[in-house]
Structures are given as C-alpha cells and as structure tokens.
Amino acid sequence: MNAVTTVANAGALVSFIERAAVDPNFDVGKFEALLRMQMEVERDQARKAFNRAMAACQAEMEPVIRTAQNKHLGNKYAKLETIDRQMRPIYTRHGFSMRFGSAPSPREGDMRITCTVAHEAGFYEENYLDAPVSLTGSQGGRMSVTPVQAVGSNITYLRRYLSTMCFNMVLADDEDDDGEGSRRPQQPAARPYPARRMDPVASMDEVLKGDSIPDFDAPKVDKALEGVQALEARIRAAGTEDELHEIAGSAQVAKQRAWLTKHRPELEEVVASALGERYAEIVAARQEEHEANEVVA
C-alpha cells in the first residue's frame, strides 16, 4: 500500500467514523475488528519497509576510519563529526532519521542516552547506552573536569557508539585493517515476487483439502501460491465489511495464514495487503455512495 493510498484511506475512515457515530444500527464490534486488522497491516508494512531500507543502508556503509588521536593516552578514535559526515548522506537517502535524548538510568551515578532511528514509512527503533559520569580526566585521574564537562563528554561518547551500533558500522584504524578496504561487488538482488494473478486458480477446498495443511515442499511449492491466489480472489470479491470480516475470521483462513507466516512470509504479506486494500476500497465506495445520496436529496 503506497503513501497516497494510505492518506486516502485515512480520510475515508474518518468520514466513515463520523457517519457511524449517528447511526444506531452500526456494528461497532465488527468495525473495531476491521480497523485493528487494517492497523496491523500498515504496521507490518512499515516494519518491512524499515528492514529493507536498513539492509540497503548497510550495503553502502563502509568502516569509519579512526583519524583522531587522544593526546594524553595516544590511542586513536573516530570523532562524532567524522562518523556523522560519513553516515548521514547514506541513511537520509534511504528515508531514515536519527534523534538522541536522555532517560533515567537504573544504576546510580550513570547517564543514559537514547537513540531513535525512524523510517519515513512510520516504523522506528529505540536503543540506549548507559555510562558512569566521571569527574576525572583521561590522564589516569591526574586531571579533573567540571560536572558540566563530564556530562558533555559522556553525551558525545555515547552518541558516537550509538550511531555506529544502530547501523552496524565498524570503526577501523586504517582502510584495510578489517578486510573491508575495498568492498566486493554486491550480489545481484533476489528475484522479486512474481506479479499476482487476480483470477482464482483453484478453490480453497481444492488447495487445502478440508482442514489439512498440505506439505508445500520444493516439488509442490506452487500449491502455496495457488492457495494464496484463491484466497486473494475471495477477498477482492467481498462486497461488504461483513463479508470481509467473515473471510478474515474463518478458522480455515487462520490456519492457512499461520502456515504462511511460518513457512512463506512473502505470501502472507500478499494476503495482509489484499485484506487492507479491499477494506479501504469498501469504505471509500460507501463514502461515495453516501455523498451521491446527499446530492440527490
């Protein structure tokens, strides 16, 4: 479901809810079930978009070279601005944003910094790191720092490591010390899921044979696709919310979707998308009919 469809669906839902509020015969229970189903579909689609974009980001990100040197201890490190300069153009290009905050730490004297990685599709993940706030400097305790300096140092330190942690970036002392100085060519992308056919190939009973879930091993893998195509055709043939609710809530469909979730998640995504899209179409059609009746009246 694309962004335009989602926005249109949201407007249709608001209008639908407004009409339902003044209709004493409206079945709130069924509407709530369908609404939950729609929200689950959108949340699942956002999570999958997040994971696809994260994989694309990590395919482009190369190790960050430690170019700064601690003048007291002599060790090398990567500055926050160096990490950000290398990461930001890549993750923003793939629809990500990062923001940092703070939260109470369960350990007394520690500071917790949080990092929220959000994707434009709506899904986000939050990570955090804790560290003690030390008032001694980096020269073995021979130099002290003010409390404000200690807090600032902690924030910068934890932001550096959270940034690399969230995107699985590696820190390196030189361009070849971790074997990734020159990346190997990327493997060709996996073949996309074949275009969905809208015509029913087989009935549900023919595919599922009653209550049994067939073993769709390699020689029979097309059986799973046929079952999904048949179910999708039933979903798209549903003319009302009640019919769609009956299909989605049947024990047989629940068994099929449970099997698909475990063994063929890409086909379960097709079923979830079909349910969400058909629901939105029904709601939009009801709105159009309502508006047309108002014009006639």
Protein backbone atom coordinates (compact mmCIF):
# COMPACT_ATOMS: atom_id res chain seq x y z
CA MET A 1 0.00 0.00 0.00
CA ASN A 2 1.59 3.27 -1.05
CA ALA A 3 1.55 6.58 0.81
CA VAL A 4 -1.19 8.10 -1.37
CA THR A 5 -3.48 5.14 -0.73
CA THR A 6 -2.79 5.32 2.99
CA VAL A 7 -3.71 9.02 3.16
CA ALA A 8 -6.86 8.44 1.11
CA ASN A 9 -7.82 5.53 3.35
CA ALA A 10 -7.33 7.67 6.45
CA GLY A 11 -9.72 10.31 5.10
CA ALA A 12 -12.29 7.67 4.21
CA LEU A 13 -12.05 6.15 7.67
CA VAL A 14 -12.59 9.49 9.39
CA SER A 15 -15.68 10.13 7.28
CA PHE A 16 -16.91 6.60 7.93
CA ILE A 17 -16.49 7.01 11.70
CA GLU A 18 -18.40 10.30 11.63
CA ARG A 19 -21.35 8.63 9.88
CA ALA A 20 -21.21 5.62 12.21
CA ALA A 21 -21.45 7.91 15.25
CA VAL A 22 -25.00 8.93 14.29
CA ASP A 23 -26.15 5.51 13.02
CA PRO A 24 -27.82 3.49 15.83
CA ASN A 25 -27.61 0.27 13.78
CA PHE A 26 -23.89 0.46 13.17
CA ASP A 27 -21.99 -2.67 14.33
CA VAL A 28 -19.14 -1.18 16.36
CA GLY A 29 -17.63 -4.58 17.18
CA LYS A 30 -17.10 -5.56 13.56
CA PHE A 31 -15.77 -2.14 12.68
CA GLU A 32 -13.24 -2.31 15.53
CA ALA A 33 -12.06 -5.72 14.35
CA LEU A 34 -11.60 -4.48 10.78
CA LEU A 35 -9.88 -1.33 11.98
CA ARG A 36 -7.43 -3.37 14.07
CA MET A 37 -6.75 -5.57 11.07
CA GLN A 38 -6.03 -2.50 8.92
CA MET A 39 -3.69 -1.05 11.54
CA GLU A 40 -1.82 -4.36 11.82
CA VAL A 41 -1.38 -4.48 8.05
CA GLU A 42 0.00 -0.93 7.93
CA ARG A 43 2.30 -1.53 10.93
CA ASP A 44 3.64 -4.72 9.35
CA GLN A 45 4.24 -2.96 6.03
CA ALA A 46 6.09 -0.13 7.80
CA ARG A 47 8.30 -2.64 9.66
CA LYS A 48 9.18 -4.44 6.44
CA ALA A 49 9.97 -1.15 4.69
CA PHE A 50 12.23 -0.25 7.64
CA ASN A 51 14.11 -3.56 7.37
CA ARG A 52 14.52 -3.28 3.59
CA ALA A 53 15.90 0.26 3.90
CA MET A 54 18.22 -0.78 6.75
CA ALA A 55 19.65 -3.59 4.60
CA ALA A 56 20.20 -1.14 1.74
CA CYS A 57 21.96 1.31 4.09
CA GLN A 58 24.30 -1.29 5.50
CA ALA A 59 25.20 -2.44 1.99
CA GLU A 60 26.56 1.06 1.30
CA MET A 61 28.18 1.91 4.64
CA GLU A 62 31.91 1.27 4.90
CA PRO A 63 34.07 1.29 8.04
CA VAL A 64 34.74 4.64 9.70
CA ILE A 65 38.48 5.30 9.96
CA ARG A 66 39.82 6.45 13.33
CA THR A 67 41.59 9.65 12.33
CA ALA A 68 41.69 11.50 15.68
CA GLN A 69 44.25 10.77 18.40
CA ASN A 70 43.93 11.18 22.15
CA LYS A 71 46.84 13.45 23.07
CA HIS A 72 47.02 12.05 26.60
CA LEU A 73 46.68 8.29 26.02
CA GLY A 74 47.89 8.12 22.41
CA ASN A 75 45.03 5.94 21.20
CA LYS A 76 43.12 6.68 18.00
CA TYR A 77 39.37 7.26 17.83
CA ALA A 78 36.71 8.48 15.41
CA LYS A 79 35.17 11.86 16.19
CA LEU A 80 31.40 12.21 16.27
CA GLU A 81 31.50 14.66 13.37
CA THR A 82 33.54 12.19 11.30
CA ILE A 83 31.03 9.42 11.92
CA ASP A 84 28.09 11.71 11.18
CA ARG A 85 29.66 13.07 7.99
CA GLN A 86 30.08 9.53 6.65
CA MET A 87 26.72 8.14 7.79
CA ARG A 88 24.19 10.95 7.33
CA PRO A 89 24.13 11.18 3.50
CA ILE A 90 23.53 7.42 3.28
CA TYR A 91 20.82 6.91 5.90
CA THR A 92 18.87 10.05 4.93
CA ARG A 93 18.89 8.92 1.29
CA HIS A 94 17.13 5.74 2.40
CA GLY A 95 14.47 7.55 4.42
CA PHE A 96 15.97 7.31 7.92
CA SER A 97 16.38 9.95 10.60
CA MET A 98 18.22 9.77 13.94
CA ARG A 99 17.50 11.67 17.13
CA PHE A 100 19.07 11.46 20.56
CA GLY A 101 17.66 12.01 24.01
CA SER A 102 18.18 11.01 27.62
CA ALA A 103 16.37 8.82 30.12
CA PRO A 104 16.83 7.79 33.77
CA SER A 105 19.44 5.08 34.25
CA PRO A 106 18.72 2.24 36.69
CA ARG A 107 22.29 2.49 38.03
CA GLU A 108 23.05 5.33 40.41
CA GLY A 109 25.61 7.78 39.02
CA ASP A 110 25.13 6.61 35.42
CA MET A 111 23.78 8.56 32.48
CA ARG A 112 21.54 7.01 29.80
CA ILE A 113 21.50 8.37 26.25
CA THR A 114 18.82 7.12 23.85
CA CYS A 115 18.92 6.97 20.06
CA THR A 116 15.75 6.70 17.99
CA VAL A 117 16.16 5.53 14.39
CA ALA A 118 12.95 6.32 12.50
CA HIS A 119 11.97 5.50 8.91
CA GLU A 120 9.72 7.56 6.67
CA ALA A 121 7.28 4.62 6.41
CA GLY A 122 6.39 5.10 10.10
CA PHE A 123 8.35 2.37 11.91
CA TYR A 124 11.11 3.20 14.42
CA GLU A 125 13.53 1.50 16.81
CA GLU A 126 14.97 2.90 20.03
CA ASN A 127 18.34 1.93 21.51
CA TYR A 128 20.26 3.21 24.52
CA LEU A 129 23.60 3.03 26.30
CA ASP A 130 24.49 3.76 29.94
CA ALA A 131 27.82 5.03 31.26
CA PRO A 132 29.05 6.42 34.59
CA VAL A 133 29.68 10.15 34.85
CA SER A 134 33.33 10.54 35.90
CA LEU A 135 34.89 13.78 37.15
CA THR A 136 38.44 12.54 36.49
CA GLY A 137 40.10 13.21 33.18
CA SER A 138 41.83 10.84 30.78
CA GLN A 139 45.29 11.09 32.42
CA GLY A 140 44.78 8.37 34.99
CA GLY A 141 42.92 10.70 37.36
CA ARG A 142 45.64 13.37 37.40
CA MET A 143 43.32 15.94 35.81
CA SER A 144 39.77 16.64 36.98
CA VAL A 145 36.89 18.05 34.96
CA THR A 146 33.84 20.06 35.94
CA PRO A 147 30.45 18.28 36.25
CA VAL A 148 29.20 20.03 33.09
CA GLN A 149 32.28 18.90 31.15
CA ALA A 150 31.78 15.35 32.41
CA VAL A 151 28.17 15.32 31.22
CA GLY A 152 29.11 16.76 27.82
CA SER A 153 31.89 14.22 27.41
CA ASN A 154 29.52 11.37 28.23
CA ILE A 155 26.89 12.58 25.77
CA THR A 156 29.42 12.82 22.92
CA TYR A 157 30.95 9.44 23.78
CA LEU A 158 27.62 7.61 23.93
CA ARG A 159 26.31 9.31 20.77
CA ARG A 160 29.38 8.10 18.87
CA TYR A 161 28.86 4.49 19.86
CA LEU A 162 25.07 4.55 19.50
CA SER A 163 25.39 5.92 15.95
CA THR A 164 27.68 3.10 14.84
CA MET A 165 25.76 0.49 16.81
CA CYS A 166 22.35 1.30 15.32
CA PHE A 167 23.61 0.89 11.74
CA ASN A 168 26.19 -1.81 12.50
CA MET A 169 29.10 0.36 11.34
CA VAL A 170 32.68 -0.73 12.07
CA LEU A 171 35.49 1.50 13.35
CA ALA A 172 38.90 0.85 11.75
CA ASP A 173 42.45 2.16 12.28
CA ASP A 174 43.17 2.21 8.53
CA GLU A 175 41.42 1.37 5.30
CA ASP A 176 42.46 -2.28 5.28
CA ASP A 177 42.67 -3.35 8.93
CA ASP A 178 39.32 -5.14 8.91
CA GLY A 179 39.43 -6.63 5.44
CA GLU A 180 36.88 -4.16 4.03
CA GLY A 181 39.23 -1.60 2.48
CA SER A 182 37.68 -2.39 -0.87
CA ARG A 183 34.20 -3.80 -0.86
CA ARG A 184 33.39 -6.79 -3.03
CA PRO A 185 30.80 -6.15 -5.72
CA GLN A 186 27.30 -6.51 -4.37
CA GLN A 187 25.47 -9.73 -5.13
CA PRO A 188 22.56 -9.34 -7.54
CA ALA A 189 19.27 -8.64 -5.81
CA ALA A 190 16.92 -11.53 -5.16
CA ARG A 191 14.25 -12.09 -7.79
CA PRO A 192 11.11 -10.20 -6.86
CA TYR A 193 7.88 -11.94 -6.01
CA PRO A 194 6.06 -12.70 -9.29
CA ALA A 195 3.17 -10.49 -10.35
CA ARG A 196 -0.04 -11.51 -8.62
CA ARG A 197 -2.80 -13.01 -10.70
CA MET A 198 -6.26 -11.77 -9.95
CA ASP A 199 -8.12 -14.78 -11.31
CA PRO A 200 -8.84 -17.67 -8.90
CA VAL A 201 -6.68 -20.67 -9.87
CA ALA A 202 -8.28 -23.16 -7.52
CA SER A 203 -10.92 -23.17 -4.83
CA MET A 204 -9.89 -23.11 -1.19
CA ASP A 205 -11.19 -26.65 -0.66
CA GLU A 206 -9.20 -27.96 -3.62
CA VAL A 207 -6.00 -26.44 -2.33
CA LEU A 208 -6.36 -27.07 1.38
CA LYS A 209 -8.39 -30.30 1.21
CA GLY A 210 -10.63 -29.71 4.17
CA ASP A 211 -8.84 -28.99 7.42
CA SER A 212 -5.43 -30.31 6.40
CA ILE A 213 -2.50 -28.03 5.61
CA PRO A 214 -0.51 -29.64 2.78
CA ASP A 215 3.25 -30.00 2.89
CA PHE A 216 4.42 -27.43 0.35
CA ASP A 217 7.94 -28.73 -0.15
CA ALA A 218 10.01 -27.88 -3.21
CA PRO A 219 8.14 -30.06 -5.76
CA LYS A 220 4.77 -28.72 -4.52
CA VAL A 221 5.70 -25.11 -3.80
CA ASP A 222 3.16 -23.81 -6.34
CA LYS A 223 0.37 -25.15 -4.14
CA ALA A 224 1.03 -22.38 -1.63
CA LEU A 225 0.86 -19.73 -4.36
CA GLU A 226 -2.36 -21.22 -5.72
CA GLY A 227 -3.91 -21.16 -2.27
CA VAL A 228 -2.99 -17.52 -1.80
CA GLN A 229 -4.34 -16.61 -5.23
CA ALA A 230 -7.63 -18.34 -4.42
CA LEU A 231 -7.88 -16.57 -1.08
CA GLU A 232 -6.99 -13.23 -2.65
CA ALA A 233 -9.75 -13.68 -5.23
CA ARG A 234 -12.26 -14.31 -2.43
CA ILE A 235 -11.09 -11.21 -0.60
CA ARG A 236 -11.41 -9.00 -3.67
CA ALA A 237 -14.86 -10.42 -4.40
CA ALA A 238 -16.13 -9.38 -0.95
CA GLY A 239 -18.68 -6.61 -1.30
CA THR A 240 -19.25 -5.59 2.31
CA GLU A 241 -17.36 -5.27 5.57
CA ASP A 242 -19.34 -8.24 6.92
CA GLU A 243 -18.21 -10.48 4.07
CA LEU A 244 -14.59 -9.38 4.51
CA HIS A 245 -14.79 -9.93 8.26
CA GLU A 246 -16.24 -13.41 7.73
CA ILE A 247 -13.36 -14.36 5.40
CA ALA A 248 -10.64 -12.97 7.64
CA GLY A 249 -12.13 -14.51 10.78
CA SER A 250 -12.71 -18.04 9.47
CA ALA A 251 -10.77 -20.87 11.11
CA GLN A 252 -9.62 -22.20 7.75
CA VAL A 253 -8.10 -18.90 6.68
CA ALA A 254 -6.49 -18.50 10.10
CA LYS A 255 -4.80 -21.91 9.65
CA GLN A 256 -3.60 -21.01 6.19
CA ARG A 257 -2.19 -17.65 7.31
CA ALA A 258 -0.46 -19.25 10.31
CA TRP A 259 1.27 -21.71 7.96
CA LEU A 260 2.23 -18.94 5.54
CA THR A 261 3.62 -16.77 8.34
CA LYS A 262 5.95 -19.58 9.39
CA HIS A 263 6.94 -21.00 6.00
CA ARG A 264 6.14 -18.42 3.30
CA PRO A 265 6.09 -14.92 4.86
CA GLU A 266 6.22 -13.22 1.46
CA LEU A 267 2.86 -14.82 0.58
CA GLU A 268 1.36 -13.88 3.95
CA GLU A 269 2.26 -10.27 3.10
CA VAL A 270 0.19 -10.59 -0.09
CA VAL A 271 -2.83 -11.78 1.93
CA ALA A 272 -2.45 -9.00 4.51
CA SER A 273 -2.15 -6.36 1.78
CA ALA A 274 -5.21 -7.69 -0.05
CA LEU A 275 -7.29 -7.51 3.14
CA GLY A 276 -6.19 -3.97 3.90
CA GLU A 277 -6.67 -2.71 0.36
CA ARG A 278 -10.11 -4.29 -0.06
CA TYR A 279 -11.26 -2.87 3.25
CA ALA A 280 -10.18 0.60 2.16
CA GLU A 281 -11.97 0.18 -1.18
CA ILE A 282 -15.21 -0.83 0.53
CA VAL A 283 -15.04 2.13 2.90
CA ALA A 284 -14.33 4.52 0.01
CA ALA A 285 -17.24 3.09 -2.02
CA ARG A 286 -19.60 3.56 0.92
CA GLN A 287 -18.46 7.15 1.26
CA GLU A 288 -19.02 7.84 -2.44
CA GLU A 289 -22.50 6.32 -2.24
CA HIS A 290 -23.30 8.39 0.81
CA GLU A 291 -22.14 11.60 -0.87
CA ALA A 292 -24.13 10.77 -4.01
CA ASN A 293 -27.28 10.21 -1.95
CA GLU A 294 -26.75 13.56 -0.23
CA VAL A 295 -26.53 15.29 -3.62
CA VAL A 296 -29.74 13.63 -4.81
CA ALA A 297 -31.52 14.53 -1.58
